[in-house]
């Protein structure tokens, strides 16, 4: 992430934790470093499971919720100004 000029912070949650439907006014880049988390992309009507080493680019104002997997999750997260990422949300397992 730093090679792309991103300044990530870290966070994590325990097994089964849940985030309700919400959106942000900034673009967000997420990379799972341990465990898994499912992002529920409300407007797209789809779910994306992020596992260790996988990335999700989440443009500003993308409505989403999330459910942490059975082993918890740790992630790197970087914020960018709104409009920096190309919409819609993009799952990048190969990054």
C-alpha atoms as a PDB file:
ATOM      1  CA  UNK A   1       0.000   0.000   0.000  1.00  0.00           C
ATOM      2  CA  UNK A   2       2.833   2.386   0.828  1.00  0.00           C
ATOM      3  CA  UNK A   3       4.303   1.748  -2.639  1.00  0.00           C
ATOM      4  CA  UNK A   4       1.081   3.299  -4.002  1.00  0.00           C
ATOM      5  CA  UNK A   5       1.483   6.347  -1.758  1.00  0.00           C
ATOM      6  CA  UNK A   6      -1.199   5.173   0.679  1.00  0.00           C
ATOM      7  CA  UNK A   7      -0.874   5.698   4.428  1.00  0.00           C
ATOM      8  CA  UNK A   8      -2.637   2.707   6.003  1.00  0.00           C
ATOM      9  CA  UNK A   9      -3.784   2.267   9.571  1.00  0.00           C
ATOM     10  CA  UNK A  10      -4.736  -1.044  11.162  1.00  0.00           C
ATOM     11  CA  UNK A  11      -7.903  -2.320  12.791  1.00  0.00           C
ATOM     12  CA  UNK A  12      -9.463  -5.628  13.685  1.00  0.00           C
ATOM     13  CA  UNK A  13     -12.606  -7.247  15.016  1.00  0.00           C
ATOM     14  CA  UNK A  14     -13.552 -10.472  16.724  1.00  0.00           C
ATOM     15  CA  UNK A  15     -15.479 -13.379  15.228  1.00  0.00           C
ATOM     16  CA  UNK A  16     -19.067 -12.577  14.250  1.00  0.00           C
ATOM     17  CA  UNK A  17     -18.824  -8.807  14.751  1.00  0.00           C
ATOM     18  CA  UNK A  18     -21.062  -6.788  12.423  1.00  0.00           C
ATOM     19  CA  UNK A  19     -21.147  -3.266  10.988  1.00  0.00           C
ATOM     20  CA  UNK A  20     -24.570  -1.945   9.968  1.00  0.00           C
ATOM     21  CA  UNK A  21     -25.456  -0.224   6.691  1.00  0.00           C
ATOM     22  CA  UNK A  22     -23.431   2.976   6.266  1.00  0.00           C
ATOM     23  CA  UNK A  23     -21.330   5.005   3.811  1.00  0.00           C
ATOM     24  CA  UNK A  24     -18.283   7.298   4.032  1.00  0.00           C
ATOM     25  CA  UNK A  25     -17.543  10.667   2.439  1.00  0.00           C
ATOM     26  CA  UNK A  26     -14.018   9.511   1.476  1.00  0.00           C
ATOM     27  CA  UNK A  27     -12.643   6.711  -0.690  1.00  0.00           C
ATOM     28  CA  UNK A  28     -11.318   3.712   1.231  1.00  0.00           C
ATOM     29  CA  UNK A  29      -8.789   0.986   0.364  1.00  0.00           C
ATOM     30  CA  UNK A  30      -8.951  -2.139   2.535  1.00  0.00           C
ATOM     31  CA  UNK A  31      -6.592  -5.111   2.676  1.00  0.00           C
ATOM     32  CA  UNK A  32      -7.266  -8.100   4.932  1.00  0.00           C
ATOM     33  CA  UNK A  33      -4.089  -9.180   6.735  1.00  0.00           C
ATOM     34  CA  UNK A  34      -5.643 -11.958   8.846  1.00  0.00           C
ATOM     35  CA  UNK A  35      -8.972 -13.772   8.915  1.00  0.00           C
ATOM     36  CA  UNK A  36     -11.922 -12.678   6.779  1.00  0.00           C
ATOM     37  CA  UNK A  37     -14.766 -10.193   6.497  1.00  0.00           C
ATOM     38  CA  UNK A  38     -17.772 -10.058   4.163  1.00  0.00           C
ATOM     39  CA  UNK A  39     -18.721  -6.642   2.816  1.00  0.00           C
ATOM     40  CA  UNK A  40     -22.395  -6.361   1.884  1.00  0.00           C
ATOM     41  CA  UNK A  41     -22.577  -3.829  -0.969  1.00  0.00           C
ATOM     42  CA  UNK A  42     -26.143  -2.583  -0.679  1.00  0.00           C
ATOM     43  CA  UNK A  43     -26.578  -0.676  -3.949  1.00  0.00           C
ATOM     44  CA  UNK A  44     -24.865  -3.408  -5.997  1.00  0.00           C
ATOM     45  CA  UNK A  45     -26.881  -6.131  -4.258  1.00  0.00           C
ATOM     46  CA  UNK A  46     -23.809  -8.288  -3.810  1.00  0.00           C
ATOM     47  CA  UNK A  47     -21.440  -9.527  -1.115  1.00  0.00           C
ATOM     48  CA  UNK A  48     -17.642  -9.579  -1.285  1.00  0.00           C
ATOM     49  CA  UNK A  49     -15.652 -11.809   1.058  1.00  0.00           C
ATOM     50  CA  UNK A  50     -12.234 -10.345   1.785  1.00  0.00           C
ATOM     51  CA  UNK A  51      -9.642 -12.909   2.952  1.00  0.00           C
ATOM     52  CA  UNK A  52      -6.018 -12.569   3.986  1.00  0.00           C
ATOM     53  CA  UNK A  53      -4.045 -10.775   1.268  1.00  0.00           C
ATOM     54  CA  UNK A  54      -7.107  -9.571  -0.672  1.00  0.00           C
ATOM     55  CA  UNK A  55      -8.074  -5.957  -1.352  1.00  0.00           C
ATOM     56  CA  UNK A  56     -11.292  -3.975  -1.742  1.00  0.00           C
ATOM     57  CA  UNK A  57     -11.406  -0.447  -3.182  1.00  0.00           C
ATOM     58  CA  UNK A  58     -14.512   1.272  -1.830  1.00  0.00           C
ATOM     59  CA  UNK A  59     -15.421   4.626  -3.420  1.00  0.00           C
ATOM     60  CA  UNK A  60     -17.011   7.371  -1.325  1.00  0.00           C
ATOM     61  CA  UNK A  61     -20.759   7.118  -0.702  1.00  0.00           C
ATOM     62  CA  UNK A  62     -20.843   3.358  -1.389  1.00  0.00           C
ATOM     63  CA  UNK A  63     -23.465   1.947   0.995  1.00  0.00           C
ATOM     64  CA  UNK A  64     -22.154  -1.131   2.726  1.00  0.00           C
ATOM     65  CA  UNK A  65     -22.377  -3.284   5.824  1.00  0.00           C
ATOM     66  CA  UNK A  66     -19.907  -5.931   6.974  1.00  0.00           C
ATOM     67  CA  UNK A  67     -19.837  -9.249   8.834  1.00  0.00           C
ATOM     68  CA  UNK A  68     -16.604 -10.547  10.361  1.00  0.00           C
ATOM     69  CA  UNK A  69     -15.708 -14.172   9.681  1.00  0.00           C
ATOM     70  CA  UNK A  70     -15.456 -17.012  12.221  1.00  0.00           C
ATOM     71  CA  UNK A  71     -11.762 -16.363  12.984  1.00  0.00           C
ATOM     72  CA  UNK A  72     -11.987 -12.581  13.318  1.00  0.00           C
ATOM     73  CA  UNK A  73     -10.259 -10.134  10.992  1.00  0.00           C
ATOM     74  CA  UNK A  74      -7.363  -7.687  10.869  1.00  0.00           C
ATOM     75  CA  UNK A  75      -7.136  -5.132   8.072  1.00  0.00           C
ATOM     76  CA  UNK A  76      -5.043  -2.315   6.716  1.00  0.00           C
ATOM     77  CA  UNK A  77      -7.146   0.696   5.726  1.00  0.00           C
ATOM     78  CA  UNK A  78      -6.217   3.856   3.857  1.00  0.00           C
ATOM     79  CA  UNK A  79      -8.404   6.873   3.101  1.00  0.00           C
ATOM     80  CA  UNK A  80      -8.291   8.965  -0.056  1.00  0.00           C
ATOM     81  CA  UNK A  81     -10.216  12.054  -1.134  1.00  0.00           C
ATOM     82  CA  UNK A  82     -13.620  11.275  -2.624  1.00  0.00           C
ATOM     83  CA  UNK A  83     -13.327  10.664  -6.352  1.00  0.00           C
ATOM     84  CA  UNK A  84      -9.812   9.191  -6.212  1.00  0.00           C
ATOM     85  CA  UNK A  85     -11.101   5.666  -6.872  1.00  0.00           C
ATOM     86  CA  UNK A  86     -13.094   4.526  -9.875  1.00  0.00           C
ATOM     87  CA  UNK A  87     -16.676   3.487  -9.021  1.00  0.00           C
ATOM     88  CA  UNK A  88     -18.128   0.986  -8.377  1.00  0.00           C
ATOM     89  CA  UNK A  89     -16.424  -0.893  -5.553  1.00  0.00           C
ATOM     90  CA  UNK A  90     -13.679  -3.164  -6.870  1.00  0.00           C
ATOM     91  CA  UNK A  91     -12.572  -6.476  -5.369  1.00  0.00           C
ATOM     92  CA  UNK A  92      -8.914  -7.168  -6.126  1.00  0.00           C
ATOM     93  CA  UNK A  93      -7.815 -10.649  -5.004  1.00  0.00           C
ATOM     94  CA  UNK A  94      -4.777 -10.584  -7.289  1.00  0.00           C
ATOM     95  CA  UNK A  95      -3.338  -7.203  -6.310  1.00  0.00           C
END
